[in-house]
Amino acid sequence: MKKKIQEIKNSPDQFELTLECSGSEKYILRLYIAGMTPKSVRAISNIKNICEEYLQGLYNLEVIDIYQTPQLAKGEQIIAAPTLIKKLPLPLRRIIGDLSSTDRLLVGLDLREIK
């Protein structure tokens, strides 16, 4: 398999081969919050519910408090909190707010098409 990966390096099929090799898509999500405000608590609850319902074990969710680790927020250029960043699968997406709009969140995570 290693030889096959080397042969198609930098080709359009590289992304598809990576998906084949990994088995299943894993969502990498980061939720930036500002302390334990009501909006932050709602955002955490909402994203956990969506992940458990739609991604069942296929996700990695990291909750980052920008008051405790401001350098991470600066590195990601976070200007509002709560902000959810979908790192993987590509494309990268940013969703701002308490994530209470399930339809908007599902579209942002590419789990539902735009109607």
PDB file of N, CA and C in Angstrom:
ATOM      1  N   MET A   1       0.827  -1.194   0.000  1.00  0.00           N
ATOM      2  CA  MET A   1       0.000   0.000   0.000  1.00  0.00           C
ATOM      3  C   MET A   1       0.866   1.251   0.000  1.00  0.00           C
ATOM      4  N   LYS A   2       2.017   1.182   0.652  1.00  0.00           N
ATOM      5  CA  LYS A   2       2.900   2.340   0.719  1.00  0.00           C
ATOM      6  C   LYS A   2       3.349   2.761  -0.672  1.00  0.00           C
ATOM      7  N   LYS A   3       3.646   1.789  -1.528  1.00  0.00           N
ATOM      8  CA  LYS A   3       4.066   2.086  -2.896  1.00  0.00           C
ATOM      9  C   LYS A   3       2.953   2.806  -3.653  1.00  0.00           C
ATOM     10  N   LYS A   4       1.720   2.344  -3.489  1.00  0.00           N
ATOM     11  CA  LYS A   4       0.589   2.970  -4.172  1.00  0.00           C
ATOM     12  C   LYS A   4       0.434   4.426  -3.739  1.00  0.00           C
ATOM     13  N   ILE A   5       0.603   4.718  -2.453  1.00  0.00           N
ATOM     14  CA  ILE A   5       0.504   6.087  -1.974  1.00  0.00           C
ATOM     15  C   ILE A   5       1.588   6.946  -2.605  1.00  0.00           C
ATOM     16  N   GLN A   6       2.800   6.433  -2.708  1.00  0.00           N
ATOM     17  CA  GLN A   6       3.892   7.197  -3.302  1.00  0.00           C
ATOM     18  C   GLN A   6       3.639   7.472  -4.779  1.00  0.00           C
ATOM     19  N   GLU A   7       3.049   6.520  -5.490  1.00  0.00           N
ATOM     20  CA  GLU A   7       2.805   6.689  -6.923  1.00  0.00           C
ATOM     21  C   GLU A   7       1.801   7.803  -7.213  1.00  0.00           C
ATOM     22  N   ILE A   8       0.813   7.982  -6.356  1.00  0.00           N
ATOM     23  CA  ILE A   8      -0.198   8.988  -6.656  1.00  0.00           C
ATOM     24  C   ILE A   8      -0.011  10.268  -5.850  1.00  0.00           C
ATOM     25  N   LYS A   9       1.142  10.419  -5.252  1.00  0.00           N
ATOM     26  CA  LYS A   9       1.416  11.624  -4.477  1.00  0.00           C
ATOM     27  C   LYS A   9       1.199  12.858  -5.344  1.00  0.00           C
ATOM     28  N   ASN A  10       0.541  13.854  -4.784  1.00  0.00           N
ATOM     29  CA  ASN A  10       0.222  15.113  -5.461  1.00  0.00           C
ATOM     30  C   ASN A  10      -0.742  14.948  -6.625  1.00  0.00           C
ATOM     31  N   SER A  11      -1.486  13.870  -6.660  1.00  0.00           N
ATOM     32  CA  SER A  11      -2.477  13.693  -7.711  1.00  0.00           C
ATOM     33  C   SER A  11      -3.866  13.998  -7.154  1.00  0.00           C
ATOM     34  N   PRO A  12      -4.845  14.211  -8.038  1.00  0.00           N
ATOM     35  CA  PRO A  12      -6.204  14.479  -7.561  1.00  0.00           C
ATOM     36  C   PRO A  12      -6.807  13.325  -6.773  1.00  0.00           C
ATOM     37  N   ASP A  13      -6.300  12.116  -6.975  1.00  0.00           N
ATOM     38  CA  ASP A  13      -6.843  10.946  -6.279  1.00  0.00           C
ATOM     39  C   ASP A  13      -6.280  10.776  -4.872  1.00  0.00           C
ATOM     40  N   GLN A  14      -5.348  11.614  -4.483  1.00  0.00           N
ATOM     41  CA  GLN A  14      -4.712  11.463  -3.176  1.00  0.00           C
ATOM     42  C   GLN A  14      -5.724  11.591  -2.042  1.00  0.00           C
ATOM     43  N   PHE A  15      -6.611  12.543  -2.137  1.00  0.00           N
ATOM     44  CA  PHE A  15      -7.610  12.739  -1.082  1.00  0.00           C
ATOM     45  C   PHE A  15      -8.501  11.515  -0.948  1.00  0.00           C
ATOM     46  N   GLU A  16      -8.965  10.952  -2.065  1.00  0.00           N
ATOM     47  CA  GLU A  16      -9.832   9.781  -2.016  1.00  0.00           C
ATOM     48  C   GLU A  16      -9.105   8.572  -1.444  1.00  0.00           C
ATOM     49  N   LEU A  17      -7.849   8.406  -1.779  1.00  0.00           N
ATOM     50  CA  LEU A  17      -7.072   7.296  -1.234  1.00  0.00           C
ATOM     51  C   LEU A  17      -6.898   7.452   0.273  1.00  0.00           C
ATOM     52  N   THR A  18      -6.670   8.670   0.720  1.00  0.00           N
ATOM     53  CA  THR A  18      -6.534   8.921   2.151  1.00  0.00           C
ATOM     54  C   THR A  18      -7.804   8.508   2.877  1.00  0.00           C
ATOM     55  N   LEU A  19      -8.962   8.831   2.300  1.00  0.00           N
ATOM     56  CA  LEU A  19     -10.233   8.437   2.905  1.00  0.00           C
ATOM     57  C   LEU A  19     -10.391   6.918   2.939  1.00  0.00           C
ATOM     58  N   GLU A  20     -10.001   6.242   1.850  1.00  0.00           N
ATOM     59  CA  GLU A  20     -10.076   4.786   1.803  1.00  0.00           C
ATOM     60  C   GLU A  20      -9.218   4.158   2.890  1.00  0.00           C
ATOM     61  N   CYS A  21      -8.015   4.680   3.056  1.00  0.00           N
ATOM     62  CA  CYS A  21      -7.073   4.119   4.018  1.00  0.00           C
ATOM     63  C   CYS A  21      -7.516   4.372   5.452  1.00  0.00           C
ATOM     64  N   SER A  22      -8.168   5.473   5.694  1.00  0.00           N
ATOM     65  CA  SER A  22      -8.549   5.811   7.063  1.00  0.00           C
ATOM     66  C   SER A  22      -9.777   5.038   7.528  1.00  0.00           C
ATOM     67  N   GLY A  23     -10.529   4.452   6.622  1.00  0.00           N
ATOM     68  CA  GLY A  23     -11.701   3.674   7.008  1.00  0.00           C
ATOM     69  C   GLY A  23     -12.966   4.514   7.028  1.00  0.00           C
ATOM     70  N   SER A  24     -13.008   5.526   7.855  1.00  0.00           N
ATOM     71  CA  SER A  24     -14.180   6.382   7.923  1.00  0.00           C
ATOM     72  C   SER A  24     -13.750   7.799   8.297  1.00  0.00           C
ATOM     73  N   GLU A  25     -14.564   8.766   7.873  1.00  0.00           N
ATOM     74  CA  GLU A  25     -14.246  10.160   8.141  1.00  0.00           C
ATOM     75  C   GLU A  25     -14.381  10.460   9.624  1.00  0.00           C
ATOM     76  N   LYS A  26     -13.403  11.125  10.171  1.00  0.00           N
ATOM     77  CA  LYS A  26     -13.438  11.553  11.571  1.00  0.00           C
ATOM     78  C   LYS A  26     -13.541  13.067  11.566  1.00  0.00           C
ATOM     79  N   TYR A  27     -14.502  13.584  12.303  1.00  0.00           N
ATOM     80  CA  TYR A  27     -14.679  15.023  12.415  1.00  0.00           C
ATOM     81  C   TYR A  27     -13.789  15.542  13.539  1.00  0.00           C
ATOM     82  N   ILE A  28     -13.011  16.565  13.242  1.00  0.00           N
ATOM     83  CA  ILE A  28     -12.187  17.246  14.234  1.00  0.00           C
ATOM     84  C   ILE A  28     -12.824  18.608  14.457  1.00  0.00           C
ATOM     85  N   LEU A  29     -13.366  18.819  15.667  1.00  0.00           N
ATOM     86  CA  LEU A  29     -14.103  20.031  15.990  1.00  0.00           C
ATOM     87  C   LEU A  29     -13.465  20.722  17.189  1.00  0.00           C
ATOM     88  N   ARG A  30     -13.415  22.050  17.131  1.00  0.00           N
ATOM     89  CA  ARG A  30     -12.959  22.854  18.263  1.00  0.00           C
ATOM     90  C   ARG A  30     -14.011  23.897  18.555  1.00  0.00           C
ATOM     91  N   LEU A  31     -14.438  23.928  19.811  1.00  0.00           N
ATOM     92  CA  LEU A  31     -15.421  24.907  20.250  1.00  0.00           C
ATOM     93  C   LEU A  31     -14.725  25.882  21.188  1.00  0.00           C
ATOM     94  N   TYR A  32     -14.674  27.140  20.778  1.00  0.00           N
ATOM     95  CA  TYR A  32     -14.070  28.197  21.594  1.00  0.00           C
ATOM     96  C   TYR A  32     -15.180  28.892  22.364  1.00  0.00           C
ATOM     97  N   ILE A  33     -15.032  28.915  23.696  1.00  0.00           N
ATOM     98  CA  ILE A  33     -16.021  29.553  24.559  1.00  0.00           C
ATOM     99  C   ILE A  33     -15.341  30.630  25.405  1.00  0.00           C
ATOM    100  N   ALA A  34     -16.151  31.503  25.997  1.00  0.00           N
ATOM    101  CA  ALA A  34     -15.636  32.562  26.871  1.00  0.00           C
ATOM    102  C   ALA A  34     -16.182  32.330  28.270  1.00  0.00           C
ATOM    103  N   GLY A  35     -15.518  31.479  29.036  1.00  0.00           N
ATOM    104  CA  GLY A  35     -15.978  31.167  30.379  1.00  0.00           C
ATOM    105  C   GLY A  35     -17.222  30.303  30.348  1.00  0.00           C
ATOM    106  N   MET A  36     -17.845  30.132  31.503  1.00  0.00           N
ATOM    107  CA  MET A  36     -19.047  29.301  31.585  1.00  0.00           C
ATOM    108  C   MET A  36     -20.307  30.172  31.613  1.00  0.00           C
ATOM    109  N   THR A  37     -20.429  31.021  30.607  1.00  0.00           N
ATOM    110  CA  THR A  37     -21.611  31.863  30.460  1.00  0.00           C
ATOM    111  C   THR A  37     -22.779  30.999  29.973  1.00  0.00           C
ATOM    112  N   PRO A  38     -24.007  31.496  30.094  1.00  0.00           N
ATOM    113  CA  PRO A  38     -25.151  30.724  29.582  1.00  0.00           C
ATOM    114  C   PRO A  38     -25.016  30.353  28.096  1.00  0.00           C
ATOM    115  N   LYS A  39     -24.494  31.279  27.281  1.00  0.00           N
ATOM    116  CA  LYS A  39     -24.296  30.983  25.854  1.00  0.00           C
ATOM    117  C   LYS A  39     -23.278  29.863  25.660  1.00  0.00           C
ATOM    118  N   SER A  40     -22.206  29.895  26.439  1.00  0.00           N
ATOM    119  CA  SER A  40     -21.177  28.861  26.334  1.00  0.00           C
ATOM    120  C   SER A  40     -21.732  27.499  26.731  1.00  0.00           C
ATOM    121  N   VAL A  41     -22.478  27.455  27.809  1.00  0.00           N
ATOM    122  CA  VAL A  41     -23.065  26.199  28.275  1.00  0.00           C
ATOM    123  C   VAL A  41     -24.033  25.645  27.234  1.00  0.00           C
ATOM    124  N   ARG A  42     -24.861  26.518  26.633  1.00  0.00           N
ATOM    125  CA  ARG A  42     -25.789  26.081  25.575  1.00  0.00           C
ATOM    126  C   ARG A  42     -25.030  25.552  24.373  1.00  0.00           C
ATOM    127  N   ALA A  43     -23.957  26.242  23.983  1.00  0.00           N
ATOM    128  CA  ALA A  43     -23.177  25.812  22.822  1.00  0.00           C
ATOM    129  C   ALA A  43     -22.562  24.435  23.060  1.00  0.00           C
ATOM    130  N   ILE A  44     -22.021  24.214  24.244  1.00  0.00           N
ATOM    131  CA  ILE A  44     -21.427  22.911  24.573  1.00  0.00           C
ATOM    132  C   ILE A  44     -22.494  21.820  24.511  1.00  0.00           C
ATOM    133  N   SER A  45     -23.621  22.069  25.134  1.00  0.00           N
ATOM    134  CA  SER A  45     -24.710  21.099  25.147  1.00  0.00           C
ATOM    135  C   SER A  45     -25.217  20.809  23.730  1.00  0.00           C
ATOM    136  N   ASN A  46     -25.416  21.872  22.948  1.00  0.00           N
ATOM    137  CA  ASN A  46     -25.944  21.701  21.583  1.00  0.00           C
ATOM    138  C   ASN A  46     -24.992  20.910  20.698  1.00  0.00           C
ATOM    139  N   ILE A  47     -23.694  21.212  20.736  1.00  0.00           N
ATOM    140  CA  ILE A  47     -22.763  20.499  19.855  1.00  0.00           C
ATOM    141  C   ILE A  47     -22.594  19.053  20.308  1.00  0.00           C
ATOM    142  N   LYS A  48     -22.606  18.804  21.612  1.00  0.00           N
ATOM    143  CA  LYS A  48     -22.501  17.417  22.092  1.00  0.00           C
ATOM    144  C   LYS A  48     -23.712  16.601  21.646  1.00  0.00           C
ATOM    145  N   ASN A  49     -24.906  17.188  21.736  1.00  0.00           N
ATOM    146  CA  ASN A  49     -26.114  16.483  21.300  1.00  0.00           C
ATOM    147  C   ASN A  49     -26.065  16.161  19.811  1.00  0.00           C
ATOM    148  N   ILE A  50     -25.669  17.119  18.992  1.00  0.00           N
ATOM    149  CA  ILE A  50     -25.571  16.902  17.541  1.00  0.00           C
ATOM    150  C   ILE A  50     -24.535  15.824  17.234  1.00  0.00           C
ATOM    151  N   CYS A  51     -23.386  15.905  17.880  1.00  0.00           N
ATOM    152  CA  CYS A  51     -22.318  14.925  17.634  1.00  0.00           C
ATOM    153  C   CYS A  51     -22.770  13.514  18.006  1.00  0.00           C
ATOM    154  N   GLU A  52     -23.416  13.371  19.149  1.00  0.00           N
ATOM    155  CA  GLU A  52     -23.871  12.044  19.566  1.00  0.00           C
ATOM    156  C   GLU A  52     -24.967  11.498  18.658  1.00  0.00           C
ATOM    157  N   GLU A  53     -25.817  12.384  18.164  1.00  0.00           N
ATOM    158  CA  GLU A  53     -26.913  11.929  17.313  1.00  0.00           C
ATOM    159  C   GLU A  53     -26.467  11.620  15.884  1.00  0.00           C
ATOM    160  N   TYR A  54     -25.592  12.457  15.313  1.00  0.00           N
ATOM    161  CA  TYR A  54     -25.258  12.329  13.897  1.00  0.00           C
ATOM    162  C   TYR A  54     -23.864  11.751  13.623  1.00  0.00           C
ATOM    163  N   LEU A  55     -22.943  11.848  14.567  1.00  0.00           N
ATOM    164  CA  LEU A  55     -21.569  11.417  14.297  1.00  0.00           C
ATOM    165  C   LEU A  55     -21.111  10.227  15.143  1.00  0.00           C
ATOM    166  N   GLN A  56     -21.872   9.795  16.094  1.00  0.00           N
ATOM    167  CA  GLN A  56     -21.663   8.632  16.944  1.00  0.00           C
ATOM    168  C   GLN A  56     -20.266   8.014  16.885  1.00  0.00           C
ATOM    169  N   GLY A  57     -19.339   8.577  17.624  1.00  0.00           N
ATOM    170  CA  GLY A  57     -18.000   8.022  17.721  1.00  0.00           C
ATOM    171  C   GLY A  57     -17.061   8.424  16.604  1.00  0.00           C
ATOM    172  N   LEU A  58     -17.532   9.194  15.646  1.00  0.00           N
ATOM    173  CA  LEU A  58     -16.698   9.612  14.517  1.00  0.00           C
ATOM    174  C   LEU A  58     -16.254  11.055  14.663  1.00  0.00           C
ATOM    175  N   TYR A  59     -16.082  11.506  15.894  1.00  0.00           N
ATOM    176  CA  TYR A  59     -15.704  12.898  16.084  1.00  0.00           C
ATOM    177  C   TYR A  59     -14.755  13.047  17.259  1.00  0.00           C
ATOM    178  N   ASN A  60     -14.012  14.133  17.213  1.00  0.00           N
ATOM    179  CA  ASN A  60     -13.147  14.543  18.313  1.00  0.00           C
ATOM    180  C   ASN A  60     -13.500  15.996  18.589  1.00  0.00           C
ATOM    181  N   LEU A  61     -14.086  16.256  19.750  1.00  0.00           N
ATOM    182  CA  LEU A  61     -14.523  17.599  20.122  1.00  0.00           C
ATOM    183  C   LEU A  61     -13.622  18.122  21.230  1.00  0.00           C
ATOM    184  N   GLU A  62     -13.033  19.278  20.978  1.00  0.00           N
ATOM    185  CA  GLU A  62     -12.190  19.930  21.973  1.00  0.00           C
ATOM    186  C   GLU A  62     -12.847  21.262  22.330  1.00  0.00           C
ATOM    187  N   VAL A  63     -13.103  21.472  23.627  1.00  0.00           N
ATOM    188  CA  VAL A  63     -13.689  22.723  24.105  1.00  0.00           C
ATOM    189  C   VAL A  63     -12.563  23.553  24.710  1.00  0.00           C
ATOM    190  N   ILE A  64     -12.408  24.779  24.199  1.00  0.00           N
ATOM    191  CA  ILE A  64     -11.313  25.651  24.615  1.00  0.00           C
ATOM    192  C   ILE A  64     -11.887  26.935  25.177  1.00  0.00           C
ATOM    193  N   ASP A  65     -11.548  27.221  26.420  1.00  0.00           N
ATOM    194  CA  ASP A  65     -11.965  28.463  27.068  1.00  0.00           C
ATOM    195  C   ASP A  65     -10.925  29.533  26.732  1.00  0.00           C
ATOM    196  N   ILE A  66     -11.353  30.569  26.030  1.00  0.00           N
ATOM    197  CA  ILE A  66     -10.393  31.592  25.578  1.00  0.00           C
ATOM    198  C   ILE A  66      -9.850  32.422  26.738  1.00  0.00           C
ATOM    199  N   TYR A  67     -10.509  32.386  27.896  1.00  0.00           N
ATOM    200  CA  TYR A  67      -9.971  33.082  29.069  1.00  0.00           C
ATOM    201  C   TYR A  67      -8.799  32.314  29.667  1.00  0.00           C
ATOM    202  N   GLN A  68      -8.841  30.989  29.587  1.00  0.00           N
ATOM    203  CA  GLN A  68      -7.768  30.166  30.144  1.00  0.00           C
ATOM    204  C   GLN A  68      -6.600  29.982  29.185  1.00  0.00           C
ATOM    205  N   THR A  69      -6.867  29.942  27.882  1.00  0.00           N
ATOM    206  CA  THR A  69      -5.805  29.768  26.879  1.00  0.00           C
ATOM    207  C   THR A  69      -5.985  30.777  25.748  1.00  0.00           C
ATOM    208  N   PRO A  70      -5.723  32.049  26.020  1.00  0.00           N
ATOM    209  CA  PRO A  70      -5.931  33.079  24.992  1.00  0.00           C
ATOM    210  C   PRO A  70      -5.014  32.920  23.778  1.00  0.00           C
ATOM    211  N   GLN A  71      -3.870  32.276  23.942  1.00  0.00           N
ATOM    212  CA  GLN A  71      -2.957  32.102  22.808  1.00  0.00           C
ATOM    213  C   GLN A  71      -3.568  31.205  21.727  1.00  0.00           C
ATOM    214  N   LEU A  72      -4.373  30.218  22.118  1.00  0.00           N
ATOM    215  CA  LEU A  72      -5.041  29.372  21.118  1.00  0.00           C
ATOM    216  C   LEU A  72      -6.081  30.160  20.339  1.00  0.00           C
ATOM    217  N   ALA A  73      -6.806  31.020  21.027  1.00  0.00           N
ATOM    218  CA  ALA A  73      -7.815  31.855  20.361  1.00  0.00           C
ATOM    219  C   ALA A  73      -7.146  32.824  19.403  1.00  0.00           C
ATOM    220  N   LYS A  74      -6.019  33.373  19.813  1.00  0.00           N
ATOM    221  CA  LYS A  74      -5.299  34.313  18.944  1.00  0.00           C
ATOM    222  C   LYS A  74      -4.791  33.595  17.694  1.00  0.00           C
ATOM    223  N   GLY A  75      -4.282  32.393  17.873  1.00  0.00           N
ATOM    224  CA  GLY A  75      -3.766  31.617  16.737  1.00  0.00           C
ATOM    225  C   GLY A  75      -4.845  31.279  15.720  1.00  0.00           C
ATOM    226  N   GLU A  76      -6.065  31.081  16.185  1.00  0.00           N
ATOM    227  CA  GLU A  76      -7.195  30.759  15.289  1.00  0.00           C
ATOM    228  C   GLU A  76      -7.956  31.997  14.851  1.00  0.00           C
ATOM    229  N   GLN A  77      -7.529  33.157  15.319  1.00  0.00           N
ATOM    230  CA  GLN A  77      -8.166  34.435  15.002  1.00  0.00           C
ATOM    231  C   GLN A  77      -9.645  34.440  15.397  1.00  0.00           C
ATOM    232  N   ILE A  78      -9.915  34.025  16.631  1.00  0.00           N
ATOM    233  CA  ILE A  78     -11.274  34.011  17.166  1.00  0.00           C
ATOM    234  C   ILE A  78     -11.644  35.431  17.574  1.00  0.00           C
ATOM    235  N   ILE A  79     -12.725  35.950  17.012  1.00  0.00           N
ATOM    236  CA  ILE A  79     -13.159  37.312  17.336  1.00  0.00           C
ATOM    237  C   ILE A  79     -14.484  37.342  18.087  1.00  0.00           C
ATOM    238  N   ALA A  80     -15.160  36.187  18.183  1.00  0.00           N
ATOM    239  CA  ALA A  80     -16.426  36.087  18.907  1.00  0.00           C
ATOM    240  C   ALA A  80     -16.505  34.706  19.542  1.00  0.00           C
ATOM    241  N   ALA A  81     -17.208  34.636  20.653  1.00  0.00           N
ATOM    242  CA  ALA A  81     -17.365  33.341  21.313  1.00  0.00           C
ATOM    243  C   ALA A  81     -18.826  33.195  21.728  1.00  0.00           C
ATOM    244  N   PRO A  82     -19.373  32.018  21.621  1.00  0.00           N
ATOM    245  CA  PRO A  82     -18.762  30.771  21.189  1.00  0.00           C
ATOM    246  C   PRO A  82     -18.573  30.710  19.665  1.00  0.00           C
ATOM    247  N   THR A  83     -17.494  30.045  19.258  1.00  0.00           N
ATOM    248  CA  THR A  83     -17.203  29.783  17.853  1.00  0.00           C
ATOM    249  C   THR A  83     -16.811  28.321  17.711  1.00  0.00           C
ATOM    250  N   LEU A  84     -17.471  27.633  16.793  1.00  0.00           N
ATOM    251  CA  LEU A  84     -17.139  26.247  16.480  1.00  0.00           C
ATOM    252  C   LEU A  84     -16.330  26.232  15.194  1.00  0.00           C
ATOM    253  N   ILE A  85     -15.200  25.542  15.212  1.00  0.00           N
ATOM    254  CA  ILE A  85     -14.392  25.378  14.001  1.00  0.00           C
ATOM    255  C   ILE A  85     -14.375  23.900  13.642  1.00  0.00           C
ATOM    256  N   LYS A  86     -14.787  23.603  12.416  1.00  0.00           N
ATOM    257  CA  LYS A  86     -14.696  22.241  11.879  1.00  0.00           C
ATOM    258  C   LYS A  86     -13.385  22.172  11.112  1.00  0.00           C
ATOM    259  N   LYS A  87     -12.389  21.497  11.694  1.00  0.00           N
ATOM    260  CA  LYS A  87     -11.071  21.378  11.069  1.00  0.00           C
ATOM    261  C   LYS A  87     -11.089  20.323   9.963  1.00  0.00           C
ATOM    262  N   LEU A  88     -11.642  19.168  10.285  1.00  0.00           N
ATOM    263  CA  LEU A  88     -11.731  18.059   9.337  1.00  0.00           C
ATOM    264  C   LEU A  88     -13.116  17.457   9.431  1.00  0.00           C
ATOM    265  N   PRO A  89     -13.640  16.886   8.407  1.00  0.00           N
ATOM    266  CA  PRO A  89     -13.119  16.861   7.051  1.00  0.00           C
ATOM    267  C   PRO A  89     -13.196  18.238   6.402  1.00  0.00           C
ATOM    268  N   LEU A  90     -12.358  18.442   5.437  1.00  0.00           N
ATOM    269  CA  LEU A  90     -12.333  19.713   4.737  1.00  0.00           C
ATOM    270  C   LEU A  90     -13.632  19.915   3.974  1.00  0.00           C
ATOM    271  N   PRO A  91     -14.069  21.092   3.717  1.00  0.00           N
ATOM    272  CA  PRO A  91     -13.445  22.384   3.965  1.00  0.00           C
ATOM    273  C   PRO A  91     -13.618  22.823   5.419  1.00  0.00           C
ATOM    274  N   LEU A  92     -12.686  23.642   5.864  1.00  0.00           N
ATOM    275  CA  LEU A  92     -12.736  24.216   7.192  1.00  0.00           C
ATOM    276  C   LEU A  92     -13.959  25.120   7.283  1.00  0.00           C
ATOM    277  N   ARG A  93     -14.679  25.053   8.397  1.00  0.00           N
ATOM    278  CA  ARG A  93     -15.872  25.894   8.589  1.00  0.00           C
ATOM    279  C   ARG A  93     -15.821  26.534   9.970  1.00  0.00           C
ATOM    280  N   ARG A  94     -16.412  27.734  10.071  1.00  0.00           N
ATOM    281  CA  ARG A  94     -16.566  28.436  11.349  1.00  0.00           C
ATOM    282  C   ARG A  94     -18.038  28.746  11.537  1.00  0.00           C
ATOM    283  N   ILE A  95     -18.544  28.399  12.717  1.00  0.00           N
ATOM    284  CA  ILE A  95     -19.934  28.678  13.048  1.00  0.00           C
ATOM    285  C   ILE A  95     -19.926  29.442  14.363  1.00  0.00           C
ATOM    286  N   ILE A  96     -20.511  30.624  14.349  1.00  0.00           N
ATOM    287  CA  ILE A  96     -20.496  31.497  15.520  1.00  0.00           C
ATOM    288  C   ILE A  96     -21.874  31.508  16.164  1.00  0.00           C
ATOM    289  N   GLY A  97     -21.904  31.468  17.486  1.00  0.00           N
ATOM    290  CA  GLY A  97     -23.155  31.531  18.234  1.00  0.00           C
ATOM    291  C   GLY A  97     -23.306  30.352  19.167  1.00  0.00           C
ATOM    292  N   ASP A  98     -24.484  30.242  19.783  1.00  0.00           N
ATOM    293  CA  ASP A  98     -24.696  29.177  20.763  1.00  0.00           C
ATOM    294  C   ASP A  98     -25.102  27.845  20.133  1.00  0.00           C
ATOM    295  N   LEU A  99     -25.098  27.774  18.805  1.00  0.00           N
ATOM    296  CA  LEU A  99     -25.340  26.542  18.040  1.00  0.00           C
ATOM    297  C   LEU A  99     -26.744  25.988  18.274  1.00  0.00           C
ATOM    298  N   SER A 100     -27.696  26.870  18.568  1.00  0.00           N
ATOM    299  CA  SER A 100     -29.058  26.426  18.847  1.00  0.00           C
ATOM    300  C   SER A 100     -29.861  26.150  17.579  1.00  0.00           C
ATOM    301  N   SER A 101     -29.414  26.640  16.433  1.00  0.00           N
ATOM    302  CA  SER A 101     -30.094  26.362  15.171  1.00  0.00           C
ATOM    303  C   SER A 101     -29.555  25.047  14.605  1.00  0.00           C
ATOM    304  N   THR A 102     -30.285  23.981  14.842  1.00  0.00           N
ATOM    305  CA  THR A 102     -29.839  22.647  14.427  1.00  0.00           C
ATOM    306  C   THR A 102     -29.629  22.566  12.920  1.00  0.00           C
ATOM    307  N   ASP A 103     -30.573  23.122  12.138  1.00  0.00           N
ATOM    308  CA  ASP A 103     -30.439  23.073  10.682  1.00  0.00           C
ATOM    309  C   ASP A 103     -29.181  23.788  10.218  1.00  0.00           C
ATOM    310  N   ARG A 104     -28.934  24.970  10.747  1.00  0.00           N
ATOM    311  CA  ARG A 104     -27.743  25.742  10.373  1.00  0.00           C
ATOM    312  C   ARG A 104     -26.472  24.986  10.758  1.00  0.00           C
ATOM    313  N   LEU A 105     -26.484  24.364  11.918  1.00  0.00           N
ATOM    314  CA  LEU A 105     -25.330  23.606  12.385  1.00  0.00           C
ATOM    315  C   LEU A 105     -25.074  22.384  11.504  1.00  0.00           C
ATOM    316  N   LEU A 106     -26.117  21.671  11.141  1.00  0.00           N
ATOM    317  CA  LEU A 106     -25.964  20.488  10.284  1.00  0.00           C
ATOM    318  C   LEU A 106     -25.438  20.864   8.903  1.00  0.00           C
ATOM    319  N   VAL A 107     -25.906  21.977   8.362  1.00  0.00           N
ATOM    320  CA  VAL A 107     -25.395  22.449   7.068  1.00  0.00           C
ATOM    321  C   VAL A 107     -23.932  22.854   7.210  1.00  0.00           C
ATOM    322  N   GLY A 108     -23.601  23.558   8.285  1.00  0.00           N
ATOM    323  CA  GLY A 108     -22.225  23.983   8.522  1.00  0.00           C
ATOM    324  C   GLY A 108     -21.263  22.834   8.694  1.00  0.00           C
ATOM    325  N   LEU A 109     -21.740  21.727   9.244  1.00  0.00           N
ATOM    326  CA  LEU A 109     -20.901  20.539   9.419  1.00  0.00           C
ATOM    327  C   LEU A 109     -20.953  19.609   8.211  1.00  0.00           C
ATOM    328  N   ASP A 110     -21.644  20.018   7.168  1.00  0.00           N
ATOM    329  CA  ASP A 110     -21.818  19.222   5.947  1.00  0.00           C
ATOM    330  C   ASP A 110     -22.523  17.892   6.225  1.00  0.00           C
ATOM    331  N   LEU A 111     -23.446  17.894   7.162  1.00  0.00           N
ATOM    332  CA  LEU A 111     -24.233  16.705   7.453  1.00  0.00           C
ATOM    333  C   LEU A 111     -25.600  16.772   6.802  1.00  0.00           C
ATOM    334  N   ARG A 112     -25.942  17.930   6.274  1.00  0.00           N
ATOM    335  CA  ARG A 112     -27.207  18.123   5.572  1.00  0.00           C
ATOM    336  C   ARG A 112     -26.983  19.140   4.481  1.00  0.00           C
ATOM    337  N   GLU A 113     -27.644  18.935   3.339  1.00  0.00           N
ATOM    338  CA  GLU A 113     -27.513  19.865   2.230  1.00  0.00           C
ATOM    339  C   GLU A 113     -28.394  21.085   2.461  1.00  0.00           C
ATOM    340  N   ILE A 114     -28.002  22.207   1.834  1.00  0.00           N
ATOM    341  CA  ILE A 114     -28.787  23.433   1.904  1.00  0.00           C
ATOM    342  C   ILE A 114     -30.093  23.228   1.155  1.00  0.00           C
ATOM    343  N   LYS A 115     -31.187  23.634   1.787  1.00  0.00           N
ATOM    344  CA  LYS A 115     -32.509  23.470   1.150  1.00  0.00           C
ATOM    345  C   LYS A 115     -32.818  24.629   0.257  1.00  0.00           C
TER     346      LYS A 115
END
